[in-house]
Protein backbone atom coordinates (compact mmCIF):
# COMPACT_ATOMS: atom_id res chain seq x y z
CA UNK A 1 16.52 100.84 48.11
CA UNK A 2 13.57 98.89 46.68
CA UNK A 3 13.71 95.13 46.52
CA UNK A 4 15.22 93.85 43.28
CA UNK A 5 17.18 97.04 42.67
CA UNK A 6 20.89 97.27 43.02
CA UNK A 7 23.37 100.01 43.43
CA UNK A 8 25.78 100.49 40.51
CA UNK A 9 29.50 101.03 40.74
CA UNK A 10 31.40 103.40 38.47
CA UNK A 11 32.15 100.47 36.13
CA UNK A 12 28.44 99.84 35.71
CA UNK A 13 28.59 96.51 37.52
CA UNK A 14 25.92 95.79 40.05
CA UNK A 15 27.09 95.62 43.66
CA UNK A 16 24.77 92.69 44.33
CA UNK A 17 24.83 89.58 42.19
CA UNK A 18 21.16 89.24 41.38
CA UNK A 19 20.93 88.07 37.77
CA UNK A 20 21.63 84.46 36.84
CA UNK A 21 24.59 85.63 34.75
CA UNK A 22 26.07 87.64 37.63
CA UNK A 23 25.57 84.69 39.98
CA UNK A 24 27.26 82.37 37.47
CA UNK A 25 30.20 84.76 37.23
CA UNK A 26 30.44 84.89 41.03
CA UNK A 27 30.40 81.10 41.25
CA UNK A 28 33.10 80.85 38.59
CA UNK A 29 35.19 83.48 40.37
CA UNK A 30 34.86 81.46 43.60
CA UNK A 31 36.05 78.27 41.86
CA UNK A 32 39.05 79.99 40.26
CA UNK A 33 39.91 81.86 43.47
CA UNK A 34 39.82 78.57 45.37
CA UNK A 35 42.17 77.02 42.82
CA UNK A 36 44.56 79.92 43.33
CA UNK A 37 44.19 79.79 47.11
CA UNK A 38 45.05 76.08 47.21
CA UNK A 39 47.69 76.03 44.44
CA UNK A 40 50.72 76.91 46.57
CA UNK A 41 49.91 74.49 49.42
CA UNK A 42 49.04 71.79 46.88
CA UNK A 43 52.56 72.05 45.41
CA UNK A 44 54.11 71.76 48.87
CA UNK A 45 51.85 68.83 49.83
CA UNK A 46 52.43 66.99 46.55
CA UNK A 47 56.12 66.67 47.36
CA UNK A 48 55.16 64.99 50.64
CA UNK A 49 52.48 62.73 49.11
CA UNK A 50 49.77 64.55 51.08
CA UNK A 51 46.56 66.10 49.86
CA UNK A 52 44.10 68.79 50.87
CA UNK A 53 42.55 66.56 53.56
CA UNK A 54 45.93 66.47 55.29
CA UNK A 55 46.23 70.25 54.94
CA UNK A 56 42.79 70.86 56.46
CA UNK A 57 43.54 68.53 59.38
CA UNK A 58 46.89 70.22 60.03
CA UNK A 59 45.31 73.67 59.78
CA UNK A 60 42.52 73.00 62.27
CA UNK A 61 44.69 71.07 64.71
CA UNK A 62 47.02 74.08 64.69
CA UNK A 63 44.07 76.44 65.28
CA UNK A 64 42.79 74.40 68.22
CA UNK A 65 45.67 72.46 69.80
CA UNK A 66 44.37 69.54 71.83
CA UNK A 67 41.17 69.37 69.82
CA UNK A 68 39.40 66.03 69.87
CA UNK A 69 38.95 63.75 66.90
CA UNK A 70 35.17 64.25 67.21
CA UNK A 71 35.55 68.03 67.12
CA UNK A 72 37.78 67.76 64.06
CA UNK A 73 35.19 65.50 62.42
CA UNK A 74 32.51 68.13 63.03
CA UNK A 75 34.66 70.96 61.66
CA UNK A 76 35.80 69.10 58.55
CA UNK A 77 32.50 67.37 57.80
CA UNK A 78 34.21 64.16 56.67
CA UNK A 79 33.65 60.53 57.59
CA UNK A 80 35.42 59.01 60.55
CA UNK A 81 37.07 56.48 58.24
CA UNK A 82 38.40 59.22 55.96
CA UNK A 83 39.74 61.28 58.87
CA UNK A 84 41.31 58.23 60.50
CA UNK A 85 43.28 57.50 57.30
CA UNK A 86 44.58 61.07 57.24
CA UNK A 87 45.39 61.14 60.98
CA UNK A 88 47.11 57.74 60.84
CA UNK A 89 49.47 59.06 58.15
CA UNK A 90 50.14 62.33 59.98
CA UNK A 91 50.82 60.49 63.24
CA UNK A 92 53.06 57.87 61.60
CA UNK A 93 55.00 60.65 59.84
CA UNK A 94 55.56 62.47 63.14
CA UNK A 95 53.47 65.54 62.38
CA UNK A 96 50.61 64.97 64.84
CA UNK A 97 50.42 63.42 68.28
CA UNK A 98 47.32 61.76 69.72
CA UNK A 99 46.76 61.66 73.48
CA UNK A 100 44.02 59.90 75.43
CA UNK A 101 41.66 62.33 77.15
CA UNK A 102 42.07 62.95 80.89
CA UNK A 103 38.39 63.00 81.79
CA UNK A 104 37.13 60.73 79.01
CA UNK A 105 39.52 57.93 78.09
CA UNK A 106 37.61 57.34 74.83
CA UNK A 107 38.61 60.78 73.54
CA UNK A 108 41.76 61.35 71.54
CA UNK A 109 43.27 64.83 71.70
CA UNK A 110 45.37 65.99 68.77
CA UNK A 111 48.33 68.36 68.67
CA UNK A 112 50.94 69.18 66.08
CA UNK A 113 54.53 68.17 66.71
CA UNK A 114 57.37 70.59 66.02
CA UNK A 115 57.60 69.15 62.49
CA UNK A 116 53.82 69.52 62.10
CA UNK A 117 54.00 73.15 63.21
CA UNK A 118 56.80 73.78 60.70
CA UNK A 119 54.72 72.31 57.85
CA UNK A 120 51.64 74.25 58.96
CA UNK A 121 53.71 77.44 58.96
CA UNK A 122 54.97 76.76 55.44
CA UNK A 123 51.47 76.05 54.13
CA UNK A 124 49.90 79.03 55.89
CA UNK A 125 52.68 81.41 54.83
CA UNK A 126 51.87 80.66 51.20
CA UNK A 127 48.16 81.29 51.71
CA UNK A 128 48.69 84.37 53.89
CA UNK A 129 50.89 85.92 51.19
CA UNK A 130 48.17 85.39 48.58
CA UNK A 131 45.43 86.71 50.91
CA UNK A 132 47.53 89.70 52.01
CA UNK A 133 48.20 90.67 48.39
CA UNK A 134 44.53 90.29 47.43
CA UNK A 135 43.36 92.25 50.48
CA UNK A 136 45.80 95.08 49.76
CA UNK A 137 44.62 95.29 46.15
CA UNK A 138 40.94 95.19 47.12
CA UNK A 139 41.03 97.64 50.03
CA UNK A 140 39.43 97.59 53.49
CA UNK A 141 35.82 98.02 52.37
CA UNK A 142 36.09 95.09 49.96
CA UNK A 143 37.77 92.95 52.63
CA UNK A 144 34.94 93.65 55.08
CA UNK A 145 32.37 92.92 52.36
CA UNK A 146 34.14 89.68 51.41
CA UNK A 147 34.06 88.50 55.02
CA UNK A 148 30.37 89.37 55.24
CA UNK A 149 29.61 87.42 52.04
CA UNK A 150 31.58 84.37 53.22
CA UNK A 151 29.81 84.31 56.57
CA UNK A 152 26.43 84.77 54.87
CA UNK A 153 27.13 81.67 52.75
CA UNK A 154 27.74 79.51 55.84
CA UNK A 155 24.99 77.28 57.22
CA UNK A 156 24.11 78.07 60.84
CA UNK A 157 26.08 75.06 62.17
CA UNK A 158 29.13 76.06 60.14
CA UNK A 159 28.86 79.65 61.29
CA UNK A 160 28.71 78.53 64.94
CA UNK A 161 31.78 76.30 64.45
CA UNK A 162 33.60 79.16 62.70
CA UNK A 163 32.84 81.63 65.48
CA UNK A 164 33.70 79.09 68.19
CA UNK A 165 37.06 78.41 66.56
CA UNK A 166 37.75 82.11 66.05
CA UNK A 167 36.64 83.06 69.57
CA UNK A 168 38.73 80.24 71.07
CA UNK A 169 41.98 81.89 69.99
């Protein structure tokens, strides 16, 4: 296919978002999808006086039990001060434990407690249900294409962190 040309679907929509209007629509769809994706966890977190920063920390500590604070900082891309506020709350509330590193005493390793795992499960169940429903409606080709688009939007550092996290499971 020549550069600048796109394949058309049966609905007449271009498969590639190339025009400014199509890109704008894609951006808007991403914003609204994100709102939907975070809506259920937000409701759960609101009742606990937590926010999305708490959710992200819980999620990635669950994905990589024993992860260090520095690793979590790199994954989340937040300031140390911001993460420390979130971790302090999660530790005080009994959802996360912090252990001094064995080889490097300056490191703090983070794990979820049983209560933290239960909250993570509740938050993830809500998001998995939404993703499962969307994936079923879209079909396997769309799911594969969606994953490809998401990975293509990641900066190289983010992509490496994503693959390292995924491969570490």
